[in-house]
All heavy atoms as atom14 arrays in JSON, in Angstrom:
{
  "sequence": "VVKKIEEFDGTILYTLDTHMENYLTTQEGKNL",
  "atom14_mask": [
    [1, 1, 1, 1, 1, 1, 1, 0, 0, 0, 0, 0, 0, 0],
    [1, 1, 1, 1, 1, 1, 1, 0, 0, 0, 0, 0, 0, 0],
    [1, 1, 1, 1, 1, 1, 1, 1, 1, 0, 0, 0, 0, 0],
    [1, 1, 1, 1, 1, 1, 1, 1, 1, 0, 0, 0, 0, 0],
    [1, 1, 1, 1, 1, 1, 1, 1, 0, 0, 0, 0, 0, 0],
    [1, 1, 1, 1, 1, 1, 1, 1, 1, 0, 0, 0, 0, 0],
    [1, 1, 1, 1, 1, 1, 1, 1, 1, 0, 0, 0, 0, 0],
    [1, 1, 1, 1, 1, 1, 1, 1, 1, 1, 1, 0, 0, 0],
    [1, 1, 1, 1, 1, 1, 1, 1, 0, 0, 0, 0, 0, 0],
    [1, 1, 1, 1, 0, 0, 0, 0, 0, 0, 0, 0, 0, 0],
    [1, 1, 1, 1, 1, 1, 1, 0, 0, 0, 0, 0, 0, 0],
    [1, 1, 1, 1, 1, 1, 1, 1, 0, 0, 0, 0, 0, 0],
    [1, 1, 1, 1, 1, 1, 1, 1, 0, 0, 0, 0, 0, 0],
    [1, 1, 1, 1, 1, 1, 1, 1, 1, 1, 1, 1, 0, 0],
    [1, 1, 1, 1, 1, 1, 1, 0, 0, 0, 0, 0, 0, 0],
    [1, 1, 1, 1, 1, 1, 1, 1, 0, 0, 0, 0, 0, 0],
    [1, 1, 1, 1, 1, 1, 1, 1, 0, 0, 0, 0, 0, 0],
    [1, 1, 1, 1, 1, 1, 1, 0, 0, 0, 0, 0, 0, 0],
    [1, 1, 1, 1, 1, 1, 1, 1, 1, 1, 0, 0, 0, 0],
    [1, 1, 1, 1, 1, 1, 1, 1, 0, 0, 0, 0, 0, 0],
    [1, 1, 1, 1, 1, 1, 1, 1, 1, 0, 0, 0, 0, 0],
    [1, 1, 1, 1, 1, 1, 1, 1, 0, 0, 0, 0, 0, 0],
    [1, 1, 1, 1, 1, 1, 1, 1, 1, 1, 1, 1, 0, 0],
    [1, 1, 1, 1, 1, 1, 1, 1, 0, 0, 0, 0, 0, 0],
    [1, 1, 1, 1, 1, 1, 1, 0, 0, 0, 0, 0, 0, 0],
    [1, 1, 1, 1, 1, 1, 1, 0, 0, 0, 0, 0, 0, 0],
    [1, 1, 1, 1, 1, 1, 1, 1, 1, 0, 0, 0, 0, 0],
    [1, 1, 1, 1, 1, 1, 1, 1, 1, 0, 0, 0, 0, 0],
    [1, 1, 1, 1, 0, 0, 0, 0, 0, 0, 0, 0, 0, 0],
    [1, 1, 1, 1, 1, 1, 1, 1, 1, 0, 0, 0, 0, 0],
    [1, 1, 1, 1, 1, 1, 1, 1, 0, 0, 0, 0, 0, 0],
    [1, 1, 1, 1, 1, 1, 1, 1, 0, 0, 0, 0, 0, 0]
  ],
  "atom14_positions": [
    [[0.84, -1.2, 0.0], [0.0, 0.0, 0.0], [0.88, 1.26, 0.0], [0.65, 2.18, -0.78], [-0.98, -0.01, 1.2], [-1.64, 1.34, 1.4], [-2.02, -1.1, 1.02], [0.0, 0.0, 0.0], [0.0, 0.0, 0.0], [0.0, 0.0, 0.0], [0.0, 0.0, 0.0], [0.0, 0.0, 0.0], [0.0, 0.0, 0.0], [0.0, 0.0, 0.0]],
    [[1.88, 1.27, 0.85], [2.79, 2.42, 0.92], [3.49, 2.62, -0.42], [3.56, 3.76, -0.93], [3.8, 2.25, 2.08], [4.91, 3.29, 2.0], [3.08, 2.3, 3.42], [0.0, 0.0, 0.0], [0.0, 0.0, 0.0], [0.0, 0.0, 0.0], [0.0, 0.0, 0.0], [0.0, 0.0, 0.0], [0.0, 0.0, 0.0], [0.0, 0.0, 0.0]],
    [[3.97, 1.55, -1.01], [4.65, 1.64, -2.3], [3.7, 2.19, -3.38], [4.07, 3.05, -4.17], [5.19, 0.28, -2.72], [5.94, 0.29, -4.02], [6.5, -1.08, -4.35], [7.24, -1.0, -5.68], [7.69, -2.3, -6.15], [0.0, 0.0, 0.0], [0.0, 0.0, 0.0], [0.0, 0.0, 0.0], [0.0, 0.0, 0.0], [0.0, 0.0, 0.0]],
    [[2.46, 1.7, -3.38], [1.46, 2.15, -4.35], [1.23, 3.66, -4.2], [1.17, 4.39, -5.19], [0.16, 1.37, -4.16], [-0.91, 1.67, -5.15], [-0.76, 0.78, -6.34], [-1.94, 0.89, -7.28], [-1.78, 0.01, -8.41], [0.0, 0.0, 0.0], [0.0, 0.0, 0.0], [0.0, 0.0, 0.0], [0.0, 0.0, 0.0], [0.0, 0.0, 0.0]],
    [[1.09, 4.11, -2.96], [0.88, 5.55, -2.7], [2.1, 6.35, -3.18], [1.95, 7.36, -3.87], [0.62, 5.79, -1.2], [-0.71, 5.16, -0.78], [0.65, 7.29, -0.88], [-0.89, 5.05, 0.73], [0.0, 0.0, 0.0], [0.0, 0.0, 0.0], [0.0, 0.0, 0.0], [0.0, 0.0, 0.0], [0.0, 0.0, 0.0], [0.0, 0.0, 0.0]],
    [[3.28, 5.91, -2.79], [4.5, 6.64, -3.14], [4.71, 6.75, -4.64], [5.2, 7.76, -5.14], [5.71, 5.98, -2.48], [5.75, 6.14, -1.0], [6.85, 5.34, -0.31], [7.45, 4.43, -0.94], [7.11, 5.63, 0.86], [0.0, 0.0, 0.0], [0.0, 0.0, 0.0], [0.0, 0.0, 0.0], [0.0, 0.0, 0.0], [0.0, 0.0, 0.0]],
    [[4.34, 5.7, -5.39], [4.59, 5.67, -6.83], [3.42, 6.22, -7.65], [3.55, 6.38, -8.86], [4.91, 4.24, -7.26], [6.21, 3.73, -6.68], [6.51, 2.29, -7.05], [5.66, 1.61, -7.69], [7.61, 1.82, -6.69], [0.0, 0.0, 0.0], [0.0, 0.0, 0.0], [0.0, 0.0, 0.0], [0.0, 0.0, 0.0], [0.0, 0.0, 0.0]],
    [[2.32, 6.54, -7.01], [1.14, 6.97, -7.73], [1.31, 8.38, -8.25], [1.68, 9.3, -7.51], [-0.11, 6.88, -6.84], [-1.39, 7.1, -7.6], [-1.89, 6.12, -8.44], [-2.08, 8.29, -7.48], [-3.06, 6.33, -9.15], [-3.25, 8.52, -8.18], [-3.74, 7.52, -9.02], [0.0, 0.0, 0.0], [0.0, 0.0, 0.0], [0.0, 0.0, 0.0]],
    [[0.99, 8.57, -9.53], [1.07, 9.88, -10.16], [-0.36, 10.39, -10.39], [-0.95, 10.16, -11.43], [1.83, 9.77, -11.49], [2.05, 11.14, -12.12], [2.04, 12.15, -11.39], [2.21, 11.19, -13.35], [0.0, 0.0, 0.0], [0.0, 0.0, 0.0], [0.0, 0.0, 0.0], [0.0, 0.0, 0.0], [0.0, 0.0, 0.0], [0.0, 0.0, 0.0]],
    [[-0.89, 11.01, -9.37], [-2.25, 11.51, -9.44], [-2.66, 11.98, -8.06], [-1.83, 12.23, -7.19], [0.0, 0.0, 0.0], [0.0, 0.0, 0.0], [0.0, 0.0, 0.0], [0.0, 0.0, 0.0], [0.0, 0.0, 0.0], [0.0, 0.0, 0.0], [0.0, 0.0, 0.0], [0.0, 0.0, 0.0], [0.0, 0.0, 0.0], [0.0, 0.0, 0.0]],
    [[-3.96, 12.07, -7.85], [-4.5, 12.57, -6.6], [-4.81, 11.42, -5.65], [-5.42, 10.43, -6.05], [-5.78, 13.38, -6.86], [-5.46, 14.45, -7.76], [-6.36, 13.94, -5.57], [0.0, 0.0, 0.0], [0.0, 0.0, 0.0], [0.0, 0.0, 0.0], [0.0, 0.0, 0.0], [0.0, 0.0, 0.0], [0.0, 0.0, 0.0], [0.0, 0.0, 0.0]],
    [[-4.39, 11.58, -4.39], [-4.63, 10.58, -3.35], [-5.79, 11.06, -2.47], [-5.75, 12.18, -1.95], [-3.38, 10.38, -2.44], [-2.13, 10.14, -3.27], [-3.65, 9.3, -1.41], [-1.92, 8.8, -3.83], [0.0, 0.0, 0.0], [0.0, 0.0, 0.0], [0.0, 0.0, 0.0], [0.0, 0.0, 0.0], [0.0, 0.0, 0.0], [0.0, 0.0, 0.0]],
    [[-6.78, 10.2, -2.3], [-7.87, 10.44, -1.36], [-7.89, 9.26, -0.39], [-7.63, 8.14, -0.8], [-9.21, 10.52, -2.1], [-9.3, 11.49, -3.27], [-10.67, 11.37, -3.95], [-9.06, 12.91, -2.82], [0.0, 0.0, 0.0], [0.0, 0.0, 0.0], [0.0, 0.0, 0.0], [0.0, 0.0, 0.0], [0.0, 0.0, 0.0], [0.0, 0.0, 0.0]],
    [[-8.17, 9.53, 0.87], [-8.22, 8.41, 1.81], [-9.38, 8.57, 2.78], [-9.83, 9.68, 3.06], [-6.9, 8.24, 2.55], [-6.51, 9.34, 3.49], [-6.76, 9.23, 4.86], [-5.86, 10.49, 3.04], [-6.38, 10.24, 5.74], [-5.48, 11.49, 3.91], [-5.74, 11.37, 5.25], [-5.37, 12.36, 6.12], [0.0, 0.0, 0.0], [0.0, 0.0, 0.0]],
    [[-9.86, 7.42, 3.24], [-10.99, 7.42, 4.17], [-10.56, 6.94, 5.54], [-9.6, 6.17, 5.68], [-12.14, 6.51, 3.68], [-11.7, 5.16, 3.66], [-12.65, 6.93, 2.31], [0.0, 0.0, 0.0], [0.0, 0.0, 0.0], [0.0, 0.0, 0.0], [0.0, 0.0, 0.0], [0.0, 0.0, 0.0], [0.0, 0.0, 0.0], [0.0, 0.0, 0.0]],
    [[-11.31, 7.41, 6.52], [-11.15, 6.94, 7.89], [-12.53, 6.48, 8.38], [-13.47, 7.29, 8.46], [-10.64, 8.04, 8.81], [-9.21, 8.52, 8.61], [-8.9, 9.69, 9.56], [-8.22, 7.4, 8.81], [0.0, 0.0, 0.0], [0.0, 0.0, 0.0], [0.0, 0.0, 0.0], [0.0, 0.0, 0.0], [0.0, 0.0, 0.0], [0.0, 0.0, 0.0]],
    [[-12.65, 5.2, 8.67], [-13.84, 4.69, 9.32], [-13.92, 5.42, 10.66], [-12.93, 5.47, 11.39], [-13.69, 3.17, 9.51], [-14.98, 2.49, 9.9], [-16.03, 2.84, 9.33], [-14.93, 1.59, 10.75], [0.0, 0.0, 0.0], [0.0, 0.0, 0.0], [0.0, 0.0, 0.0], [0.0, 0.0, 0.0], [0.0, 0.0, 0.0], [0.0, 0.0, 0.0]],
    [[-15.06, 6.01, 10.96], [-15.15, 6.89, 12.12], [-16.4, 6.6, 12.92], [-17.52, 6.77, 12.43], [-15.15, 8.37, 11.67], [-13.97, 8.61, 10.9], [-15.18, 9.3, 12.86], [0.0, 0.0, 0.0], [0.0, 0.0, 0.0], [0.0, 0.0, 0.0], [0.0, 0.0, 0.0], [0.0, 0.0, 0.0], [0.0, 0.0, 0.0], [0.0, 0.0, 0.0]],
    [[-16.18, 6.14, 14.16], [-17.29, 5.84, 15.06], [-17.15, 6.66, 16.33], [-16.08, 7.18, 16.64], [-17.32, 4.34, 15.39], [-17.47, 3.49, 14.18], [-18.6, 3.5, 13.39], [-16.62, 2.61, 13.58], [-18.45, 2.66, 12.38], [-17.25, 2.12, 12.48], [0.0, 0.0, 0.0], [0.0, 0.0, 0.0], [0.0, 0.0, 0.0], [0.0, 0.0, 0.0]],
    [[-18.24, 6.74, 17.07], [-18.26, 7.46, 18.34], [-18.34, 6.44, 19.48], [-18.44, 5.24, 19.26], [-19.45, 8.43, 18.39], [-19.46, 9.45, 17.27], [-17.96, 10.44, 17.27], [-17.83, 10.9, 15.57], [0.0, 0.0, 0.0], [0.0, 0.0, 0.0], [0.0, 0.0, 0.0], [0.0, 0.0, 0.0], [0.0, 0.0, 0.0], [0.0, 0.0, 0.0]],
    [[-18.31, 6.95, 20.69], [-18.35, 6.1, 21.89], [-19.59, 5.21, 21.94], [-19.56, 4.15, 22.56], [-18.25, 6.95, 23.15], [-16.93, 7.69, 23.31], [-15.73, 6.78, 23.55], [-15.91, 5.65, 24.05], [-14.61, 7.21, 23.24], [0.0, 0.0, 0.0], [0.0, 0.0, 0.0], [0.0, 0.0, 0.0], [0.0, 0.0, 0.0], [0.0, 0.0, 0.0]],
    [[-20.67, 5.63, 21.3], [-21.91, 4.86, 21.34], [-21.97, 3.78, 20.26], [-23.05, 3.25, 19.96], [-23.11, 5.8, 21.18], [-23.2, 6.38, 19.77], [-22.21, 6.49, 19.05], [-24.41, 6.78, 19.39], [0.0, 0.0, 0.0], [0.0, 0.0, 0.0], [0.0, 0.0, 0.0], [0.0, 0.0, 0.0], [0.0, 0.0, 0.0], [0.0, 0.0, 0.0]],
    [[-20.85, 3.42, 19.67], [-20.8, 2.49, 18.54], [-21.65, 1.24, 18.76], [-22.39, 0.81, 17.88], [-19.35, 2.1, 18.23], [-19.26, 0.98, 17.22], [-19.5, 1.23, 15.87], [-18.98, -0.33, 17.6], [-19.46, 0.21, 14.93], [-18.93, -1.35, 16.67], [-19.17, -1.08, 15.34], [-19.14, -2.09, 14.41], [0.0, 0.0, 0.0], [0.0, 0.0, 0.0]],
    [[-21.56, 0.63, 19.93], [-22.26, -0.64, 20.16], [-23.78, -0.51, 20.13], [-24.49, -1.51, 19.97], [-21.81, -1.26, 21.49], [-20.35, -1.76, 21.51], [-19.98, -2.25, 22.9], [-20.11, -2.85, 20.46], [0.0, 0.0, 0.0], [0.0, 0.0, 0.0], [0.0, 0.0, 0.0], [0.0, 0.0, 0.0], [0.0, 0.0, 0.0], [0.0, 0.0, 0.0]],
    [[-24.3, 0.71, 20.22], [-25.75, 0.9, 20.15], [-26.22, 1.2, 18.73], [-27.43, 1.3, 18.49], [-26.2, 2.06, 21.08], [-25.65, 3.28, 20.58], [-25.76, 1.83, 22.51], [0.0, 0.0, 0.0], [0.0, 0.0, 0.0], [0.0, 0.0, 0.0], [0.0, 0.0, 0.0], [0.0, 0.0, 0.0], [0.0, 0.0, 0.0], [0.0, 0.0, 0.0]],
    [[-25.3, 1.33, 17.77], [-25.66, 1.62, 16.39], [-26.02, 0.32, 15.67], [-25.71, -0.78, 16.14], [-24.51, 2.31, 15.64], [-23.41, 1.39, 15.52], [-24.05, 3.58, 16.36], [0.0, 0.0, 0.0], [0.0, 0.0, 0.0], [0.0, 0.0, 0.0], [0.0, 0.0, 0.0], [0.0, 0.0, 0.0], [0.0, 0.0, 0.0], [0.0, 0.0, 0.0]],
    [[-26.64, 0.45, 14.51], [-26.98, -0.72, 13.7], [-25.73, -1.54, 13.4], [-25.73, -2.77, 13.56], [-27.64, -0.25, 12.39], [-28.05, -1.37, 11.47], [-29.29, -2.1, 11.96], [-30.11, -1.54, 12.67], [-29.42, -3.35, 11.61], [0.0, 0.0, 0.0], [0.0, 0.0, 0.0], [0.0, 0.0, 0.0], [0.0, 0.0, 0.0], [0.0, 0.0, 0.0]],
    [[-24.67, -0.88, 12.98], [-23.42, -1.61, 12.69], [-22.88, -2.28, 13.95], [-22.47, -3.44, 13.91], [-22.36, -0.67, 12.11], [-21.06, -1.39, 11.78], [-19.95, -0.49, 11.26], [-20.25, 0.53, 10.61], [-18.78, -0.83, 11.51], [0.0, 0.0, 0.0], [0.0, 0.0, 0.0], [0.0, 0.0, 0.0], [0.0, 0.0, 0.0], [0.0, 0.0, 0.0]],
    [[-22.89, -1.56, 15.06], [-22.37, -2.1, 16.31], [-23.14, -3.31, 16.8], [-22.57, -4.22, 17.4], [0.0, 0.0, 0.0], [0.0, 0.0, 0.0], [0.0, 0.0, 0.0], [0.0, 0.0, 0.0], [0.0, 0.0, 0.0], [0.0, 0.0, 0.0], [0.0, 0.0, 0.0], [0.0, 0.0, 0.0], [0.0, 0.0, 0.0], [0.0, 0.0, 0.0]],
    [[-24.42, -3.34, 16.54], [-25.24, -4.5, 16.92], [-24.91, -5.72, 16.06], [-25.02, -6.85, 16.52], [-26.72, -4.16, 16.82], [-27.14, -3.15, 17.88], [-28.58, -2.71, 17.7], [-28.93, -1.64, 18.73], [-30.24, -1.05, 18.49], [0.0, 0.0, 0.0], [0.0, 0.0, 0.0], [0.0, 0.0, 0.0], [0.0, 0.0, 0.0], [0.0, 0.0, 0.0]],
    [[-24.51, -5.47, 14.81], [-24.17, -6.57, 13.91], [-22.69, -6.96, 13.96], [-22.33, -8.07, 13.6], [-24.57, -6.2, 12.47], [-26.06, -6.24, 12.28], [-26.67, -7.3, 12.34], [-26.66, -5.08, 12.11], [0.0, 0.0, 0.0], [0.0, 0.0, 0.0], [0.0, 0.0, 0.0], [0.0, 0.0, 0.0], [0.0, 0.0, 0.0], [0.0, 0.0, 0.0]],
    [[-21.85, -6.03, 14.35], [-20.42, -6.26, 14.5], [-20.01, -5.68, 15.85], [-19.51, -4.56, 15.94], [-19.63, -5.58, 13.37], [-18.1, -5.71, 13.43], [-17.65, -7.15, 13.33], [-17.46, -4.87, 12.32], [0.0, 0.0, 0.0], [0.0, 0.0, 0.0], [0.0, 0.0, 0.0], [0.0, 0.0, 0.0], [0.0, 0.0, 0.0], [0.0, 0.0, 0.0]]
  ]
}
């Protein structure tokens, strides 16, 4: 992944999965 980023000739966009303290009460938290 690091090599791909370093060698990429273009625009880099990245995501961060982002949860709050109440994660376990969310739909996702109940399933995972």
